[in-house]
Amino acid sequence: MPYRPFRSTYYDEQMRASPALLRARAPYLIKNTIMGTAICAMVVGIYAYTIHVISQDEFEDVIVPDEPIKRTQQAPTGGSISQAVAAAKK
């Protein structure tokens, strides 16, 4: 005996839609198709608009340094901490 997760009058033994299910879905077929098409068109439109707007950005006014700034790593000392506290108080 094959395994059946549930018994439904809308599906047959091979889990195909029965005529009753097709009749129940028929009134909503056109409405659902139109709504799905509208949602997909809106998503594609938003995506295309975003790509169009981003592609217009120009970064000519951004100053790019010739060479990165090299910083030496220093261990925090009591002097540097006291300087930071003094600077914060000002």
C-alpha atoms as a PDB file:
ATOM      1  CA  MET A   1       0.000   0.000   0.000  1.00  0.00           C
ATOM      2  CA  PRO A   2       1.555   3.332  -1.056  1.00  0.00           C
ATOM      3  CA  TYR A   3       2.103   6.106   1.450  1.00  0.00           C
ATOM      4  CA  ARG A   4      -0.481   8.906   1.365  1.00  0.00           C
ATOM      5  CA  PRO A   5       0.273  12.063   3.332  1.00  0.00           C
ATOM      6  CA  PHE A   6      -3.412  13.040   3.312  1.00  0.00           C
ATOM      7  CA  ARG A   7      -6.685  12.145   1.679  1.00  0.00           C
ATOM      8  CA  SER A   8      -8.177  14.869  -0.421  1.00  0.00           C
ATOM      9  CA  THR A   9     -11.036  14.972  -2.865  1.00  0.00           C
ATOM     10  CA  TYR A  10      -9.130  17.505  -4.975  1.00  0.00           C
ATOM     11  CA  TYR A  11      -6.269  15.127  -5.885  1.00  0.00           C
ATOM     12  CA  ASP A  12      -6.281  11.596  -7.264  1.00  0.00           C
ATOM     13  CA  GLU A  13      -3.895   8.729  -6.412  1.00  0.00           C
ATOM     14  CA  GLN A  14      -1.101  10.171  -8.573  1.00  0.00           C
ATOM     15  CA  MET A  15      -1.539  13.594  -6.900  1.00  0.00           C
ATOM     16  CA  ARG A  16      -2.925  15.180 -10.069  1.00  0.00           C
ATOM     17  CA  ALA A  17      -5.545  17.900  -9.877  1.00  0.00           C
ATOM     18  CA  SER A  18      -9.075  16.574 -10.123  1.00  0.00           C
ATOM     19  CA  PRO A  19     -11.812  18.217 -12.207  1.00  0.00           C
ATOM     20  CA  ALA A  20     -13.317  19.601  -8.980  1.00  0.00           C
ATOM     21  CA  LEU A  21     -10.060  21.421  -8.166  1.00  0.00           C
ATOM     22  CA  LEU A  22      -9.824  22.812 -11.681  1.00  0.00           C
ATOM     23  CA  ARG A  23     -13.423  24.076 -11.425  1.00  0.00           C
ATOM     24  CA  ALA A  24     -12.700  25.666  -8.033  1.00  0.00           C
ATOM     25  CA  ARG A  25      -9.635  27.487  -9.396  1.00  0.00           C
ATOM     26  CA  ALA A  26     -11.224  28.623 -12.674  1.00  0.00           C
ATOM     27  CA  PRO A  27     -12.784  31.913 -11.443  1.00  0.00           C
ATOM     28  CA  TYR A  28      -9.422  33.083 -10.086  1.00  0.00           C
ATOM     29  CA  LEU A  29      -7.197  32.074 -13.004  1.00  0.00           C
ATOM     30  CA  ILE A  30      -7.397  35.344 -14.963  1.00  0.00           C
ATOM     31  CA  LYS A  31      -7.256  37.559 -11.851  1.00  0.00           C
ATOM     32  CA  ASN A  32      -4.241  35.702 -10.473  1.00  0.00           C
ATOM     33  CA  THR A  33      -2.462  35.832 -13.833  1.00  0.00           C
ATOM     34  CA  ILE A  34      -3.002  39.583 -14.133  1.00  0.00           C
ATOM     35  CA  MET A  35      -1.872  40.199 -10.549  1.00  0.00           C
ATOM     36  CA  GLY A  36       1.225  38.008 -10.962  1.00  0.00           C
ATOM     37  CA  THR A  37       2.143  39.808 -14.177  1.00  0.00           C
ATOM     38  CA  ALA A  38       1.682  43.212 -12.497  1.00  0.00           C
ATOM     39  CA  ILE A  39       3.862  42.242  -9.533  1.00  0.00           C
ATOM     40  CA  CYS A  40       6.602  40.886 -11.802  1.00  0.00           C
ATOM     41  CA  ALA A  41       6.483  44.022 -13.966  1.00  0.00           C
ATOM     42  CA  MET A  42       6.782  46.217 -10.882  1.00  0.00           C
ATOM     43  CA  VAL A  43       9.801  44.264  -9.616  1.00  0.00           C
ATOM     44  CA  VAL A  44      11.527  44.431 -13.009  1.00  0.00           C
ATOM     45  CA  GLY A  45      10.725  48.149 -13.272  1.00  0.00           C
ATOM     46  CA  ILE A  46      12.191  48.934  -9.854  1.00  0.00           C
ATOM     47  CA  TYR A  47      15.294  46.902 -10.672  1.00  0.00           C
ATOM     48  CA  ALA A  48      15.769  48.614 -14.048  1.00  0.00           C
ATOM     49  CA  TYR A  49      15.237  52.080 -12.535  1.00  0.00           C
ATOM     50  CA  THR A  50      17.768  51.372  -9.783  1.00  0.00           C
ATOM     51  CA  ILE A  51      20.399  50.171 -12.251  1.00  0.00           C
ATOM     52  CA  HIS A  52      19.735  53.197 -14.476  1.00  0.00           C
ATOM     53  CA  VAL A  53      20.120  55.680 -11.603  1.00  0.00           C
ATOM     54  CA  ILE A  54      23.236  54.024 -10.191  1.00  0.00           C
ATOM     55  CA  SER A  55      24.929  53.925 -13.593  1.00  0.00           C
ATOM     56  CA  GLN A  56      24.715  57.737 -13.768  1.00  0.00           C
ATOM     57  CA  ASP A  57      26.918  58.251 -10.706  1.00  0.00           C
ATOM     58  CA  GLU A  58      30.228  59.911 -11.451  1.00  0.00           C
ATOM     59  CA  PHE A  59      33.045  59.862  -8.973  1.00  0.00           C
ATOM     60  CA  GLU A  60      35.289  62.431 -10.670  1.00  0.00           C
ATOM     61  CA  ASP A  61      35.020  64.800  -7.707  1.00  0.00           C
ATOM     62  CA  VAL A  62      36.372  62.210  -5.255  1.00  0.00           C
ATOM     63  CA  ILE A  63      40.022  62.786  -4.428  1.00  0.00           C
ATOM     64  CA  VAL A  64      41.994  59.562  -4.505  1.00  0.00           C
ATOM     65  CA  PRO A  65      45.364  59.700  -2.730  1.00  0.00           C
ATOM     66  CA  ASP A  66      48.432  58.573  -4.659  1.00  0.00           C
ATOM     67  CA  GLU A  67      49.714  56.337  -1.901  1.00  0.00           C
ATOM     68  CA  PRO A  68      47.922  54.963   1.141  1.00  0.00           C
ATOM     69  CA  ILE A  69      48.815  56.513   4.479  1.00  0.00           C
ATOM     70  CA  LYS A  70      51.161  54.279   6.426  1.00  0.00           C
ATOM     71  CA  ARG A  71      50.506  54.239  10.128  1.00  0.00           C
ATOM     72  CA  THR A  72      52.733  52.667  12.695  1.00  0.00           C
ATOM     73  CA  GLN A  73      51.096  50.517  15.297  1.00  0.00           C
ATOM     74  CA  GLN A  74      51.739  51.623  18.822  1.00  0.00           C
ATOM     75  CA  ALA A  75      50.803  49.857  21.995  1.00  0.00           C
ATOM     76  CA  PRO A  76      48.471  51.959  24.162  1.00  0.00           C
ATOM     77  CA  THR A  77      50.408  53.552  26.954  1.00  0.00           C
ATOM     78  CA  GLY A  78      49.349  55.528  29.976  1.00  0.00           C
ATOM     79  CA  GLY A  79      50.502  58.732  28.274  1.00  0.00           C
ATOM     80  CA  SER A  80      48.357  58.288  25.192  1.00  0.00           C
ATOM     81  CA  ILE A  81      45.308  57.425  27.275  1.00  0.00           C
ATOM     82  CA  SER A  82      45.764  60.489  29.452  1.00  0.00           C
ATOM     83  CA  GLN A  83      46.134  62.621  26.301  1.00  0.00           C
ATOM     84  CA  ALA A  84      42.878  61.222  24.945  1.00  0.00           C
ATOM     85  CA  VAL A  85      41.083  61.925  28.226  1.00  0.00           C
ATOM     86  CA  ALA A  86      42.490  65.464  28.299  1.00  0.00           C
ATOM     87  CA  ALA A  87      41.381  66.063  24.713  1.00  0.00           C
ATOM     88  CA  ALA A  88      37.904  64.787  25.491  1.00  0.00           C
ATOM     89  CA  LYS A  89      37.576  67.206  28.421  1.00  0.00           C
ATOM     90  CA  LYS A  90      38.257  70.259  26.234  1.00  0.00           C
END
